[in-house]
C-alpha atoms as a PDB file:
ATOM      1  CA  UNK A   1     -81.767   2.606  81.401  1.00  0.00           C
ATOM      2  CA  UNK A   2     -78.629   3.172  79.305  1.00  0.00           C
ATOM      3  CA  UNK A   3     -78.433   5.746  76.524  1.00  0.00           C
ATOM      4  CA  UNK A   4     -77.566   2.948  74.078  1.00  0.00           C
ATOM      5  CA  UNK A   5     -80.718   1.018  75.001  1.00  0.00           C
ATOM      6  CA  UNK A   6     -82.864   4.127  74.622  1.00  0.00           C
ATOM      7  CA  UNK A   7     -81.334   4.702  71.197  1.00  0.00           C
ATOM      8  CA  UNK A   8     -82.029   1.116  70.089  1.00  0.00           C
ATOM      9  CA  UNK A   9     -85.620   1.355  71.295  1.00  0.00           C
ATOM     10  CA  UNK A  10     -86.130   4.663  69.532  1.00  0.00           C
ATOM     11  CA  UNK A  11     -84.794   3.297  66.232  1.00  0.00           C
ATOM     12  CA  UNK A  12     -86.936   0.190  66.603  1.00  0.00           C
ATOM     13  CA  UNK A  13     -90.019   2.356  67.086  1.00  0.00           C
ATOM     14  CA  UNK A  14     -89.059   4.479  64.071  1.00  0.00           C
ATOM     15  CA  UNK A  15     -88.892   1.319  61.967  1.00  0.00           C
ATOM     16  CA  UNK A  16     -92.366   0.359  63.169  1.00  0.00           C
ATOM     17  CA  UNK A  17     -93.682   3.815  62.229  1.00  0.00           C
ATOM     18  CA  UNK A  18     -92.203   3.395  58.742  1.00  0.00           C
ATOM     19  CA  UNK A  19     -93.941   0.043  58.310  1.00  0.00           C
ATOM     20  CA  UNK A  20     -97.306   1.345  59.509  1.00  0.00           C
ATOM     21  CA  UNK A  21     -97.349   4.913  58.162  1.00  0.00           C
ATOM     22  CA  UNK A  22     -95.097   4.618  55.110  1.00  0.00           C
ATOM     23  CA  UNK A  23     -93.041   7.675  56.113  1.00  0.00           C
ATOM     24  CA  UNK A  24     -91.848   9.518  59.198  1.00  0.00           C
ATOM     25  CA  UNK A  25     -91.272  13.213  59.868  1.00  0.00           C
ATOM     26  CA  UNK A  26     -88.446  14.335  62.131  1.00  0.00           C
ATOM     27  CA  UNK A  27     -90.585  16.998  63.810  1.00  0.00           C
ATOM     28  CA  UNK A  28     -93.308  14.496  64.709  1.00  0.00           C
ATOM     29  CA  UNK A  29     -90.831  11.942  66.043  1.00  0.00           C
ATOM     30  CA  UNK A  30     -89.042  14.579  68.108  1.00  0.00           C
ATOM     31  CA  UNK A  31     -92.329  15.546  69.762  1.00  0.00           C
ATOM     32  CA  UNK A  32     -93.337  11.912  70.333  1.00  0.00           C
ATOM     33  CA  UNK A  33     -89.998  10.854  71.864  1.00  0.00           C
ATOM     34  CA  UNK A  34     -89.401  14.192  73.632  1.00  0.00           C
ATOM     35  CA  UNK A  35     -85.975  14.703  72.087  1.00  0.00           C
ATOM     36  CA  UNK A  36     -84.606  17.376  69.779  1.00  0.00           C
ATOM     37  CA  UNK A  37     -85.078  17.280  66.016  1.00  0.00           C
ATOM     38  CA  UNK A  38     -81.275  17.172  65.716  1.00  0.00           C
ATOM     39  CA  UNK A  39     -81.307  13.924  67.702  1.00  0.00           C
ATOM     40  CA  UNK A  40     -83.945  12.422  65.403  1.00  0.00           C
ATOM     41  CA  UNK A  41     -82.109  13.582  62.291  1.00  0.00           C
ATOM     42  CA  UNK A  42     -78.975  11.863  63.607  1.00  0.00           C
ATOM     43  CA  UNK A  43     -80.980   8.694  64.255  1.00  0.00           C
ATOM     44  CA  UNK A  44     -82.336   8.774  60.709  1.00  0.00           C
ATOM     45  CA  UNK A  45     -78.886   9.362  59.216  1.00  0.00           C
ATOM     46  CA  UNK A  46     -77.533   6.360  61.104  1.00  0.00           C
ATOM     47  CA  UNK A  47     -80.487   4.211  60.094  1.00  0.00           C
ATOM     48  CA  UNK A  48     -80.055   5.227  56.447  1.00  0.00           C
ATOM     49  CA  UNK A  49     -76.347   4.389  56.596  1.00  0.00           C
ATOM     50  CA  UNK A  50     -77.291   0.959  57.970  1.00  0.00           C
ATOM     51  CA  UNK A  51     -79.717   0.391  55.089  1.00  0.00           C
ATOM     52  CA  UNK A  52     -82.864   0.648  57.221  1.00  0.00           C
ATOM     53  CA  UNK A  53     -84.519   3.633  55.535  1.00  0.00           C
ATOM     54  CA  UNK A  54     -83.962   6.347  52.957  1.00  0.00           C
ATOM     55  CA  UNK A  55     -83.490   9.909  54.177  1.00  0.00           C
ATOM     56  CA  UNK A  56     -85.603  12.592  52.534  1.00  0.00           C
ATOM     57  CA  UNK A  57     -86.136  16.233  53.362  1.00  0.00           C
ATOM     58  CA  UNK A  58     -87.822  16.493  56.760  1.00  0.00           C
ATOM     59  CA  UNK A  59     -87.829  12.781  57.552  1.00  0.00           C
ATOM     60  CA  UNK A  60     -87.445   9.333  56.013  1.00  0.00           C
ATOM     61  CA  UNK A  61     -89.142   6.803  53.736  1.00  0.00           C
ATOM     62  CA  UNK A  62     -89.000   3.020  53.551  1.00  0.00           C
ATOM     63  CA  UNK A  63     -86.369   1.685  51.189  1.00  0.00           C
ATOM     64  CA  UNK A  64     -87.387   0.854  47.633  1.00  0.00           C
ATOM     65  CA  UNK A  65     -87.863  -2.898  47.105  1.00  0.00           C
ATOM     66  CA  UNK A  66     -84.576  -4.803  47.023  1.00  0.00           C
ATOM     67  CA  UNK A  67     -83.032  -5.053  43.608  1.00  0.00           C
ATOM     68  CA  UNK A  68     -83.250  -8.405  41.844  1.00  0.00           C
ATOM     69  CA  UNK A  69     -82.142  -9.042  38.289  1.00  0.00           C
ATOM     70  CA  UNK A  70     -84.649  -8.197  35.572  1.00  0.00           C
ATOM     71  CA  UNK A  71     -85.085 -11.890  34.777  1.00  0.00           C
ATOM     72  CA  UNK A  72     -85.954 -12.570  38.426  1.00  0.00           C
ATOM     73  CA  UNK A  73     -88.402  -9.657  38.597  1.00  0.00           C
ATOM     74  CA  UNK A  74     -90.272 -10.800  35.488  1.00  0.00           C
ATOM     75  CA  UNK A  75     -91.601 -13.805  37.414  1.00  0.00           C
ATOM     76  CA  UNK A  76     -92.972 -11.683  40.273  1.00  0.00           C
ATOM     77  CA  UNK A  77     -96.689 -10.692  40.207  1.00  0.00           C
ATOM     78  CA  UNK A  78     -96.996 -11.057  36.410  1.00  0.00           C
ATOM     79  CA  UNK A  79    -100.781 -10.514  36.493  1.00  0.00           C
ATOM     80  CA  UNK A  80    -100.351  -7.113  38.167  1.00  0.00           C
ATOM     81  CA  UNK A  81     -97.759  -6.032  35.611  1.00  0.00           C
ATOM     82  CA  UNK A  82     -99.970  -7.255  32.792  1.00  0.00           C
ATOM     83  CA  UNK A  83    -102.787  -5.038  34.117  1.00  0.00           C
ATOM     84  CA  UNK A  84    -100.441  -2.036  34.181  1.00  0.00           C
ATOM     85  CA  UNK A  85     -99.306  -2.908  30.651  1.00  0.00           C
ATOM     86  CA  UNK A  86    -102.882  -3.001  29.351  1.00  0.00           C
ATOM     87  CA  UNK A  87    -103.455   0.494  30.771  1.00  0.00           C
ATOM     88  CA  UNK A  88    -100.172   1.798  29.324  1.00  0.00           C
ATOM     89  CA  UNK A  89     -99.796   0.326  25.853  1.00  0.00           C
ATOM     90  CA  UNK A  90    -102.442   2.605  24.316  1.00  0.00           C
ATOM     91  CA  UNK A  91    -100.187   5.608  24.910  1.00  0.00           C
ATOM     92  CA  UNK A  92     -97.837   4.340  22.177  1.00  0.00           C
ATOM     93  CA  UNK A  93     -99.198   6.231  19.164  1.00  0.00           C
ATOM     94  CA  UNK A  94     -98.806   4.978  15.582  1.00  0.00           C
ATOM     95  CA  UNK A  95     -95.826   6.618  13.900  1.00  0.00           C
ATOM     96  CA  UNK A  96     -94.288   7.788  17.175  1.00  0.00           C
ATOM     97  CA  UNK A  97     -90.798   7.247  18.552  1.00  0.00           C
ATOM     98  CA  UNK A  98     -90.891   5.702  22.028  1.00  0.00           C
ATOM     99  CA  UNK A  99     -88.099   4.902  24.463  1.00  0.00           C
ATOM    100  CA  UNK A 100     -88.860   1.799  26.528  1.00  0.00           C
ATOM    101  CA  UNK A 101     -86.702   1.696  29.651  1.00  0.00           C
ATOM    102  CA  UNK A 102     -85.581  -1.334  31.652  1.00  0.00           C
ATOM    103  CA  UNK A 103     -88.228  -2.839  33.939  1.00  0.00           C
ATOM    104  CA  UNK A 104     -90.424  -5.900  34.250  1.00  0.00           C
ATOM    105  CA  UNK A 105     -93.629  -3.862  33.842  1.00  0.00           C
ATOM    106  CA  UNK A 106     -92.100  -2.282  30.744  1.00  0.00           C
ATOM    107  CA  UNK A 107     -91.305  -5.737  29.380  1.00  0.00           C
ATOM    108  CA  UNK A 108     -94.994  -6.578  29.812  1.00  0.00           C
ATOM    109  CA  UNK A 109     -95.841  -3.433  27.813  1.00  0.00           C
ATOM    110  CA  UNK A 110     -93.489  -4.513  25.002  1.00  0.00           C
ATOM    111  CA  UNK A 111     -95.145  -7.927  24.894  1.00  0.00           C
ATOM    112  CA  UNK A 112     -98.597  -6.334  24.503  1.00  0.00           C
ATOM    113  CA  UNK A 113     -97.717  -4.071  21.565  1.00  0.00           C
ATOM    114  CA  UNK A 114     -99.903  -5.100  18.632  1.00  0.00           C
ATOM    115  CA  UNK A 115     -98.008  -6.745  15.744  1.00  0.00           C
ATOM    116  CA  UNK A 116     -99.576  -4.315  13.264  1.00  0.00           C
ATOM    117  CA  UNK A 117     -98.534  -1.156  15.144  1.00  0.00           C
ATOM    118  CA  UNK A 118     -96.087   0.965  13.153  1.00  0.00           C
ATOM    119  CA  UNK A 119     -93.757   2.843  15.484  1.00  0.00           C
ATOM    120  CA  UNK A 120     -90.100   3.258  16.344  1.00  0.00           C
ATOM    121  CA  UNK A 121     -89.154   1.712  19.679  1.00  0.00           C
ATOM    122  CA  UNK A 122     -85.811   2.495  21.288  1.00  0.00           C
ATOM    123  CA  UNK A 123     -84.643   0.429  24.248  1.00  0.00           C
ATOM    124  CA  UNK A 124     -81.502  -0.191  26.257  1.00  0.00           C
ATOM    125  CA  UNK A 125     -82.777  -3.579  27.428  1.00  0.00           C
ATOM    126  CA  UNK A 126     -81.998  -6.821  25.538  1.00  0.00           C
ATOM    127  CA  UNK A 127     -85.027  -8.660  26.991  1.00  0.00           C
ATOM    128  CA  UNK A 128     -87.336  -5.923  25.732  1.00  0.00           C
ATOM    129  CA  UNK A 129     -85.620  -5.890  22.339  1.00  0.00           C
ATOM    130  CA  UNK A 130     -86.103  -9.658  22.090  1.00  0.00           C
ATOM    131  CA  UNK A 131     -89.831  -9.272  22.845  1.00  0.00           C
ATOM    132  CA  UNK A 132     -90.131  -6.779  19.964  1.00  0.00           C
ATOM    133  CA  UNK A 133     -88.139  -8.728  17.394  1.00  0.00           C
ATOM    134  CA  UNK A 134     -91.183 -10.646  16.145  1.00  0.00           C
ATOM    135  CA  UNK A 135     -93.323  -7.517  15.664  1.00  0.00           C
ATOM    136  CA  UNK A 136     -92.704  -6.783  11.979  1.00  0.00           C
ATOM    137  CA  UNK A 137     -93.969  -3.201  11.858  1.00  0.00           C
ATOM    138  CA  UNK A 138     -91.764  -1.998  14.729  1.00  0.00           C
ATOM    139  CA  UNK A 139     -88.548  -0.202  13.806  1.00  0.00           C
ATOM    140  CA  UNK A 140     -86.330  -1.327  16.664  1.00  0.00           C
ATOM    141  CA  UNK A 141     -83.282   0.578  17.919  1.00  0.00           C
ATOM    142  CA  UNK A 142     -81.138  -1.027  20.632  1.00  0.00           C
ATOM    143  CA  UNK A 143     -79.040   1.392  22.667  1.00  0.00           C
ATOM    144  CA  UNK A 144     -75.587  -0.086  23.148  1.00  0.00           C
ATOM    145  CA  UNK A 145     -72.598  -0.277  25.444  1.00  0.00           C
ATOM    146  CA  UNK A 146     -71.661  -2.484  28.391  1.00  0.00           C
ATOM    147  CA  UNK A 147     -74.603  -4.251  30.027  1.00  0.00           C
ATOM    148  CA  UNK A 148     -75.308  -3.560  33.687  1.00  0.00           C
ATOM    149  CA  UNK A 149     -76.430  -7.023  34.806  1.00  0.00           C
ATOM    150  CA  UNK A 150     -78.211  -5.761  37.920  1.00  0.00           C
ATOM    151  CA  UNK A 151     -80.310  -3.338  35.859  1.00  0.00           C
ATOM    152  CA  UNK A 152     -80.566  -5.667  32.870  1.00  0.00           C
ATOM    153  CA  UNK A 153     -79.732  -2.830  30.470  1.00  0.00           C
ATOM    154  CA  UNK A 154     -77.007  -0.602  29.077  1.00  0.00           C
ATOM    155  CA  UNK A 155     -76.860   2.603  31.120  1.00  0.00           C
ATOM    156  CA  UNK A 156     -73.236   3.778  30.882  1.00  0.00           C
ATOM    157  CA  UNK A 157     -71.458   6.480  28.902  1.00  0.00           C
ATOM    158  CA  UNK A 158     -71.966   4.818  25.494  1.00  0.00           C
ATOM    159  CA  UNK A 159     -75.700   4.389  26.131  1.00  0.00           C
ATOM    160  CA  UNK A 160     -75.965   8.014  27.226  1.00  0.00           C
ATOM    161  CA  UNK A 161     -74.212   9.181  24.047  1.00  0.00           C
ATOM    162  CA  UNK A 162     -76.699   7.179  21.979  1.00  0.00           C
ATOM    163  CA  UNK A 163     -79.650   8.759  23.788  1.00  0.00           C
ATOM    164  CA  UNK A 164     -78.274  12.263  23.167  1.00  0.00           C
ATOM    165  CA  UNK A 165     -78.930  11.670  19.455  1.00  0.00           C
ATOM    166  CA  UNK A 166     -82.643  11.048  20.031  1.00  0.00           C
ATOM    167  CA  UNK A 167     -85.739  13.057  20.913  1.00  0.00           C
ATOM    168  CA  UNK A 168     -88.462  10.494  21.760  1.00  0.00           C
ATOM    169  CA  UNK A 169     -92.134  11.429  21.606  1.00  0.00           C
ATOM    170  CA  UNK A 170     -92.673   9.286  24.703  1.00  0.00           C
ATOM    171  CA  UNK A 171     -90.390   7.803  27.332  1.00  0.00           C
ATOM    172  CA  UNK A 172     -91.825   4.868  29.274  1.00  0.00           C
ATOM    173  CA  UNK A 173     -89.550   5.069  32.277  1.00  0.00           C
ATOM    174  CA  UNK A 174     -88.788   2.389  34.834  1.00  0.00           C
ATOM    175  CA  UNK A 175     -88.402   3.269  38.509  1.00  0.00           C
ATOM    176  CA  UNK A 176     -87.267   1.618  41.740  1.00  0.00           C
ATOM    177  CA  UNK A 177     -89.282   3.883  44.041  1.00  0.00           C
ATOM    178  CA  UNK A 178     -92.052   6.462  43.602  1.00  0.00           C
ATOM    179  CA  UNK A 179     -93.088   9.039  46.179  1.00  0.00           C
ATOM    180  CA  UNK A 180     -94.903  12.353  45.848  1.00  0.00           C
ATOM    181  CA  UNK A 181     -92.110  14.182  47.701  1.00  0.00           C
ATOM    182  CA  UNK A 182     -89.006  12.141  46.825  1.00  0.00           C
ATOM    183  CA  UNK A 183     -90.076  11.653  43.206  1.00  0.00           C
ATOM    184  CA  UNK A 184     -88.774   8.759  41.128  1.00  0.00           C
ATOM    185  CA  UNK A 185     -85.605   7.125  42.398  1.00  0.00           C
ATOM    186  CA  UNK A 186     -83.189   4.386  41.344  1.00  0.00           C
ATOM    187  CA  UNK A 187     -80.944   2.006  43.251  1.00  0.00           C
ATOM    188  CA  UNK A 188     -77.903   2.412  40.997  1.00  0.00           C
ATOM    189  CA  UNK A 189     -76.189   5.728  40.271  1.00  0.00           C
ATOM    190  CA  UNK A 190     -75.566   5.167  36.547  1.00  0.00           C
ATOM    191  CA  UNK A 191     -79.107   3.930  36.035  1.00  0.00           C
ATOM    192  CA  UNK A 192     -80.491   7.076  37.688  1.00  0.00           C
ATOM    193  CA  UNK A 193     -78.242   9.249  35.535  1.00  0.00           C
ATOM    194  CA  UNK A 194     -79.369   7.474  32.360  1.00  0.00           C
ATOM    195  CA  UNK A 195     -83.069   7.670  33.275  1.00  0.00           C
ATOM    196  CA  UNK A 196     -82.762  11.381  34.080  1.00  0.00           C
ATOM    197  CA  UNK A 197     -81.141  12.050  30.691  1.00  0.00           C
ATOM    198  CA  UNK A 198     -83.687  10.166  28.607  1.00  0.00           C
ATOM    199  CA  UNK A 199     -86.596  11.744  30.518  1.00  0.00           C
ATOM    200  CA  UNK A 200     -85.172  15.211  29.868  1.00  0.00           C
ATOM    201  CA  UNK A 201     -84.973  14.510  26.123  1.00  0.00           C
ATOM    202  CA  UNK A 202     -88.502  13.134  25.788  1.00  0.00           C
ATOM    203  CA  UNK A 203     -91.649  15.096  24.954  1.00  0.00           C
ATOM    204  CA  UNK A 204     -93.698  13.057  27.429  1.00  0.00           C
ATOM    205  CA  UNK A 205     -92.903  10.628  30.256  1.00  0.00           C
ATOM    206  CA  UNK A 206     -95.066   7.698  31.367  1.00  0.00           C
ATOM    207  CA  UNK A 207     -94.344   5.537  34.402  1.00  0.00           C
ATOM    208  CA  UNK A 208     -96.207   2.355  35.377  1.00  0.00           C
ATOM    209  CA  UNK A 209     -95.733   1.583  39.077  1.00  0.00           C
ATOM    210  CA  UNK A 210     -96.585  -1.507  41.107  1.00  0.00           C
ATOM    211  CA  UNK A 211     -97.929  -0.939  44.618  1.00  0.00           C
ATOM    212  CA  UNK A 212     -94.787  -2.185  46.364  1.00  0.00           C
ATOM    213  CA  UNK A 213     -92.824   0.805  45.038  1.00  0.00           C
ATOM    214  CA  UNK A 214     -95.284   3.468  46.191  1.00  0.00           C
ATOM    215  CA  UNK A 215     -94.124   5.664  49.052  1.00  0.00           C
ATOM    216  CA  UNK A 216     -90.576   4.275  48.887  1.00  0.00           C
ATOM    217  CA  UNK A 217     -87.258   5.783  47.860  1.00  0.00           C
ATOM    218  CA  UNK A 218     -83.928   4.490  46.614  1.00  0.00           C
ATOM    219  CA  UNK A 219     -80.580   6.213  46.990  1.00  0.00           C
ATOM    220  CA  UNK A 220     -80.431   8.114  43.697  1.00  0.00           C
ATOM    221  CA  UNK A 221     -82.897  10.733  42.471  1.00  0.00           C
ATOM    222  CA  UNK A 222     -84.201  10.541  38.903  1.00  0.00           C
ATOM    223  CA  UNK A 223     -86.937  13.179  38.429  1.00  0.00           C
ATOM    224  CA  UNK A 224     -89.730  14.724  40.453  1.00  0.00           C
ATOM    225  CA  UNK A 225     -93.290  13.501  40.014  1.00  0.00           C
ATOM    226  CA  UNK A 226     -94.109  16.821  38.337  1.00  0.00           C
ATOM    227  CA  UNK A 227     -91.791  15.798  35.468  1.00  0.00           C
ATOM    228  CA  UNK A 228     -93.993  12.746  34.779  1.00  0.00           C
ATOM    229  CA  UNK A 229     -96.749  13.299  32.228  1.00  0.00           C
ATOM    230  CA  UNK A 230     -98.729  10.138  33.044  1.00  0.00           C
ATOM    231  CA  UNK A 231     -98.533   7.869  36.075  1.00  0.00           C
ATOM    232  CA  UNK A 232    -100.193   4.463  35.705  1.00  0.00           C
ATOM    233  CA  UNK A 233    -101.117   2.844  39.028  1.00  0.00           C
ATOM    234  CA  UNK A 234    -102.690  -0.436  40.049  1.00  0.00           C
ATOM    235  CA  UNK A 235    -106.441  -0.610  40.586  1.00  0.00           C
ATOM    236  CA  UNK A 236    -105.963  -1.099  44.336  1.00  0.00           C
ATOM    237  CA  UNK A 237    -103.246   1.515  44.844  1.00  0.00           C
ATOM    238  CA  UNK A 238    -103.779   3.141  48.278  1.00  0.00           C
ATOM    239  CA  UNK A 239    -105.847   6.311  48.004  1.00  0.00           C
ATOM    240  CA  UNK A 240    -103.390   8.372  50.040  1.00  0.00           C
ATOM    241  CA  UNK A 241    -100.698   7.860  47.401  1.00  0.00           C
ATOM    242  CA  UNK A 242    -103.089   8.503  44.526  1.00  0.00           C
ATOM    243  CA  UNK A 243    -104.209  11.776  46.108  1.00  0.00           C
ATOM    244  CA  UNK A 244    -100.646  12.884  46.840  1.00  0.00           C
ATOM    245  CA  UNK A 245     -99.511  12.203  43.274  1.00  0.00           C
ATOM    246  CA  UNK A 246    -102.512  14.084  41.924  1.00  0.00           C
ATOM    247  CA  UNK A 247    -101.380  17.376  43.472  1.00  0.00           C
ATOM    248  CA  UNK A 248     -98.337  17.440  41.161  1.00  0.00           C
ATOM    249  CA  UNK A 249    -100.408  17.997  38.023  1.00  0.00           C
ATOM    250  CA  UNK A 250     -99.465  14.561  36.684  1.00  0.00           C
ATOM    251  CA  UNK A 251    -102.253  12.657  34.939  1.00  0.00           C
ATOM    252  CA  UNK A 252    -103.163   9.573  36.979  1.00  0.00           C
ATOM    253  CA  UNK A 253    -104.422   6.464  35.174  1.00  0.00           C
ATOM    254  CA  UNK A 254    -105.769   3.569  37.217  1.00  0.00           C
ATOM    255  CA  UNK A 255    -105.315   0.132  35.695  1.00  0.00           C
ATOM    256  CA  UNK A 256    -108.209  -2.301  35.748  1.00  0.00           C
ATOM    257  CA  UNK A 257    -108.089  -5.034  38.379  1.00  0.00           C
ATOM    258  CA  UNK A 258    -105.516  -7.663  37.490  1.00  0.00           C
ATOM    259  CA  UNK A 259    -106.718 -10.946  36.039  1.00  0.00           C
ATOM    260  CA  UNK A 260    -106.112 -13.922  38.303  1.00  0.00           C
END
């Protein structure tokens, strides 16, 4: 059997392990395939370069869900995002200043804010700003600059300068992937940089995560799970992920089952 065929088979098996187990460790794969860890690390680097996985320390994770535009993502699993929103919206305290980041779950949170709530909401996302326009007691601040169409928000240098003038009581952060080891990650570099800045300037950070993002990673690191104050998960989030997140000291809130 040729070396090339052995390599293809090994990579195929690694992909299967990622689908079944949600992560792979180089040491375990080396023992299973009876090759060196250096060989496995090379395999994983090549697979990551081909867009088949995301390398993390000691192994690899499945890729974060493919990026669609925010408008496209809004139509996906709306009942699950509504359940996350119901569990999250109560963290917006009257009189507080809250940054609401780009994300379809975060849009659902904006839609659920009570019309009588008095608070200052800052967002870099036109769709979220539009959802808040009809809430008369909300003082709305829209962070500006060029719009990143893939993200659906302003995340560049102008937006970052705007954020440097603020100190939110709460940042409701969006994420592309969430893993206990890899932390929160983003597909786009500028988006990750923006998220990292606003999280660092906020007194508390809340993240609402759909199940498809759990145990996945995108290319650009945002913050570790230990930097998240509250993590809101779906009612049926796998217990292994819930337990792993809990070791970070982050408060875990489980949403009620989604309405169907």
